Amino acid sequence: MACDYFEVLDLAKDGKWDEAHKLIQSYSDRMSCLIHGYLHRVEGDSSNAKYWYRRADEEMPDNTLEEELTRLYEAVSST
């Protein structure tokens, strides 16, 4: 079963970090890794966030959490 990225991002947007994290943590595709990295940024765990961004073949972005959430929504919309 594929991950519902919008559901995870919506949970994150609503401040439901634990629920979002539980949904994403069993997936390892590129988009899941990006979202997982974002969630750890929200949590304040930058070393774990960097790990997940690297798994997605990206550096952790130097943007705000709000900007990153928007970027992720746009990326999911274009897939």
N, C-alpha and C. Protein backbone atom coordinates (compact mmCIF):
# COMPACT_ATOMS: atom_id res chain seq x y z
N MET A 1 0.84 -1.18 0.00
CA MET A 1 0.00 0.00 0.00
C MET A 1 0.89 1.25 0.00
N ALA A 2 0.52 2.22 -0.79
CA ALA A 2 1.29 3.45 -0.90
C ALA A 2 0.93 4.42 0.23
N CYS A 3 1.87 5.26 0.52
CA CYS A 3 1.66 6.28 1.55
C CYS A 3 0.76 7.38 1.00
N ASP A 4 -0.16 7.86 1.81
CA ASP A 4 -1.00 8.99 1.46
C ASP A 4 -0.28 10.26 1.95
N TYR A 5 0.54 10.81 1.06
CA TYR A 5 1.35 11.97 1.44
C TYR A 5 0.51 13.15 1.91
N PHE A 6 -0.61 13.38 1.24
CA PHE A 6 -1.46 14.51 1.65
C PHE A 6 -1.98 14.32 3.07
N GLU A 7 -2.34 13.12 3.42
CA GLU A 7 -2.82 12.86 4.78
C GLU A 7 -1.73 13.18 5.79
N VAL A 8 -0.50 12.75 5.50
CA VAL A 8 0.61 13.00 6.41
C VAL A 8 0.88 14.50 6.52
N LEU A 9 0.92 15.19 5.39
CA LEU A 9 1.16 16.64 5.41
C LEU A 9 0.04 17.38 6.11
N ASP A 10 -1.20 16.96 5.90
CA ASP A 10 -2.33 17.60 6.58
C ASP A 10 -2.23 17.41 8.09
N LEU A 11 -1.86 16.22 8.52
CA LEU A 11 -1.68 15.99 9.96
C LEU A 11 -0.58 16.89 10.52
N ALA A 12 0.53 16.98 9.78
CA ALA A 12 1.63 17.84 10.22
C ALA A 12 1.18 19.29 10.30
N LYS A 13 0.44 19.73 9.30
CA LYS A 13 -0.06 21.11 9.27
C LYS A 13 -0.95 21.39 10.46
N ASP A 14 -1.71 20.38 10.88
CA ASP A 14 -2.63 20.52 12.02
C ASP A 14 -1.94 20.31 13.36
N GLY A 15 -0.62 20.16 13.35
CA GLY A 15 0.12 20.01 14.59
C GLY A 15 0.07 18.61 15.18
N LYS A 16 -0.31 17.64 14.40
CA LYS A 16 -0.42 16.25 14.88
C LYS A 16 0.84 15.48 14.46
N TRP A 17 1.96 15.88 15.05
CA TRP A 17 3.25 15.34 14.69
C TRP A 17 3.31 13.83 14.87
N ASP A 18 2.88 13.34 16.03
CA ASP A 18 2.97 11.90 16.31
C ASP A 18 2.20 11.08 15.29
N GLU A 19 0.99 11.52 14.96
CA GLU A 19 0.19 10.78 13.98
C GLU A 19 0.85 10.80 12.61
N ALA A 20 1.35 11.96 12.21
CA ALA A 20 2.02 12.07 10.92
C ALA A 20 3.26 11.17 10.88
N HIS A 21 4.03 11.19 11.95
CA HIS A 21 5.25 10.40 12.01
C HIS A 21 4.93 8.90 11.95
N LYS A 22 3.90 8.47 12.66
CA LYS A 22 3.52 7.05 12.64
C LYS A 22 3.15 6.60 11.23
N LEU A 23 2.49 7.47 10.47
CA LEU A 23 2.09 7.10 9.12
C LEU A 23 3.27 7.02 8.16
N ILE A 24 4.25 7.90 8.32
CA ILE A 24 5.34 8.00 7.35
C ILE A 24 6.50 7.07 7.65
N GLN A 25 6.67 6.68 8.89
CA GLN A 25 7.91 6.01 9.29
C GLN A 25 8.17 4.65 8.65
N SER A 26 7.16 4.00 8.12
CA SER A 26 7.41 2.69 7.52
C SER A 26 7.71 2.76 6.02
N TYR A 27 7.77 3.96 5.47
CA TYR A 27 8.03 4.13 4.03
C TYR A 27 9.43 4.67 3.81
N SER A 28 10.01 4.30 2.67
CA SER A 28 11.39 4.73 2.39
C SER A 28 11.57 5.29 0.98
N ASP A 29 10.47 5.55 0.27
CA ASP A 29 10.59 6.18 -1.04
C ASP A 29 11.04 7.63 -0.87
N ARG A 30 11.46 8.25 -1.93
CA ARG A 30 12.05 9.59 -1.88
C ARG A 30 11.13 10.61 -1.21
N MET A 31 9.87 10.66 -1.62
CA MET A 31 8.95 11.65 -1.05
C MET A 31 8.71 11.39 0.44
N SER A 32 8.60 10.13 0.81
CA SER A 32 8.42 9.81 2.23
C SER A 32 9.63 10.26 3.04
N CYS A 33 10.82 10.08 2.49
CA CYS A 33 12.03 10.52 3.19
C CYS A 33 12.06 12.04 3.35
N LEU A 34 11.64 12.77 2.31
CA LEU A 34 11.58 14.23 2.42
C LEU A 34 10.59 14.66 3.52
N ILE A 35 9.43 14.05 3.51
CA ILE A 35 8.42 14.40 4.52
C ILE A 35 8.91 14.00 5.91
N HIS A 36 9.53 12.84 6.00
CA HIS A 36 10.08 12.39 7.28
C HIS A 36 11.12 13.39 7.79
N GLY A 37 11.98 13.85 6.89
CA GLY A 37 12.96 14.86 7.27
C GLY A 37 12.31 16.14 7.76
N TYR A 38 11.27 16.57 7.05
CA TYR A 38 10.54 17.77 7.46
C TYR A 38 9.96 17.58 8.87
N LEU A 39 9.37 16.43 9.13
CA LEU A 39 8.78 16.18 10.45
C LEU A 39 9.82 16.28 11.54
N HIS A 40 11.03 15.79 11.28
CA HIS A 40 12.07 15.90 12.31
C HIS A 40 12.57 17.33 12.45
N ARG A 41 12.48 18.12 11.39
CA ARG A 41 12.77 19.56 11.54
C ARG A 41 11.75 20.19 12.47
N VAL A 42 10.48 19.85 12.27
CA VAL A 42 9.41 20.37 13.13
C VAL A 42 9.68 19.98 14.58
N GLU A 43 10.11 18.76 14.77
CA GLU A 43 10.39 18.24 16.11
C GLU A 43 11.59 18.95 16.74
N GLY A 44 12.46 19.50 15.91
CA GLY A 44 13.66 20.16 16.41
C GLY A 44 14.88 19.25 16.43
N ASP A 45 14.77 18.09 15.80
CA ASP A 45 15.87 17.12 15.75
C ASP A 45 16.58 17.26 14.40
N SER A 46 17.47 18.24 14.31
CA SER A 46 18.08 18.55 13.02
C SER A 46 19.00 17.44 12.51
N SER A 47 19.68 16.70 13.39
CA SER A 47 20.55 15.64 12.90
C SER A 47 19.72 14.51 12.27
N ASN A 48 18.60 14.17 12.86
CA ASN A 48 17.72 13.15 12.28
C ASN A 48 17.09 13.68 10.99
N ALA A 49 16.73 14.96 10.98
CA ALA A 49 16.17 15.57 9.77
C ALA A 49 17.18 15.49 8.62
N LYS A 50 18.43 15.83 8.91
CA LYS A 50 19.47 15.77 7.88
C LYS A 50 19.61 14.36 7.33
N TYR A 51 19.54 13.38 8.20
CA TYR A 51 19.63 11.98 7.78
C TYR A 51 18.54 11.65 6.76
N TRP A 52 17.31 12.05 7.06
CA TRP A 52 16.20 11.72 6.15
C TRP A 52 16.28 12.49 4.85
N TYR A 53 16.71 13.73 4.88
CA TYR A 53 16.90 14.48 3.63
C TYR A 53 18.00 13.82 2.78
N ARG A 54 19.08 13.39 3.43
CA ARG A 54 20.15 12.71 2.69
C ARG A 54 19.63 11.42 2.05
N ARG A 55 18.76 10.71 2.73
CA ARG A 55 18.17 9.49 2.15
C ARG A 55 17.35 9.81 0.91
N ALA A 56 16.87 11.04 0.83
CA ALA A 56 16.12 11.49 -0.36
C ALA A 56 17.06 12.14 -1.38
N ASP A 57 18.36 12.04 -1.16
CA ASP A 57 19.38 12.63 -2.03
C ASP A 57 19.27 14.15 -2.10
N GLU A 58 18.98 14.76 -0.98
CA GLU A 58 18.93 16.23 -0.87
C GLU A 58 19.64 16.65 0.41
N GLU A 59 20.08 17.88 0.40
CA GLU A 59 20.57 18.50 1.63
C GLU A 59 19.36 19.07 2.36
N MET A 60 19.44 19.16 3.68
CA MET A 60 18.35 19.79 4.41
C MET A 60 18.23 21.23 3.94
N PRO A 61 17.06 21.66 3.52
CA PRO A 61 16.92 23.01 2.97
C PRO A 61 17.08 24.09 4.04
N ASP A 62 17.51 25.24 3.58
CA ASP A 62 17.66 26.40 4.45
C ASP A 62 16.46 27.31 4.22
N ASN A 63 15.30 26.82 4.61
CA ASN A 63 14.07 27.60 4.47
C ASN A 63 13.27 27.47 5.77
N THR A 64 12.19 28.21 5.86
CA THR A 64 11.37 28.11 7.06
C THR A 64 10.54 26.83 7.00
N LEU A 65 10.02 26.42 8.13
CA LEU A 65 9.15 25.25 8.15
C LEU A 65 7.91 25.47 7.29
N GLU A 66 7.38 26.68 7.32
CA GLU A 66 6.21 27.00 6.49
C GLU A 66 6.55 26.89 5.01
N GLU A 67 7.70 27.42 4.62
CA GLU A 67 8.12 27.33 3.22
C GLU A 67 8.34 25.88 2.80
N GLU A 68 8.90 25.09 3.70
CA GLU A 68 9.15 23.69 3.37
C GLU A 68 7.84 22.92 3.25
N LEU A 69 6.90 23.20 4.11
CA LEU A 69 5.60 22.53 4.02
C LEU A 69 4.94 22.86 2.68
N THR A 70 5.00 24.11 2.27
CA THR A 70 4.46 24.52 0.97
C THR A 70 5.19 23.80 -0.15
N ARG A 71 6.50 23.73 -0.08
CA ARG A 71 7.30 23.04 -1.11
C ARG A 71 6.91 21.56 -1.19
N LEU A 72 6.68 20.93 -0.06
CA LEU A 72 6.32 19.52 -0.05
C LEU A 72 4.92 19.31 -0.64
N TYR A 73 3.97 20.18 -0.27
CA TYR A 73 2.63 20.08 -0.86
C TYR A 73 2.71 20.21 -2.39
N GLU A 74 3.52 21.17 -2.85
CA GLU A 74 3.67 21.37 -4.30
C GLU A 74 4.31 20.16 -4.96
N ALA A 75 5.30 19.58 -4.31
CA ALA A 75 5.98 18.40 -4.87
C ALA A 75 5.03 17.22 -4.95
N VAL A 76 4.21 17.03 -3.93
CA VAL A 76 3.24 15.93 -3.94
C VAL A 76 2.20 16.17 -5.01
N SER A 77 1.77 17.40 -5.18
CA SER A 77 0.77 17.73 -6.18
C SER A 77 1.26 17.47 -7.60
N SER A 78 2.57 17.59 -7.80
CA SER A 78 3.11 17.44 -9.16
C SER A 78 3.49 15.99 -9.49
N THR A 79 3.30 15.08 -8.54
CA THR A 79 3.64 13.67 -8.80
C THR A 79 2.44 12.89 -9.30
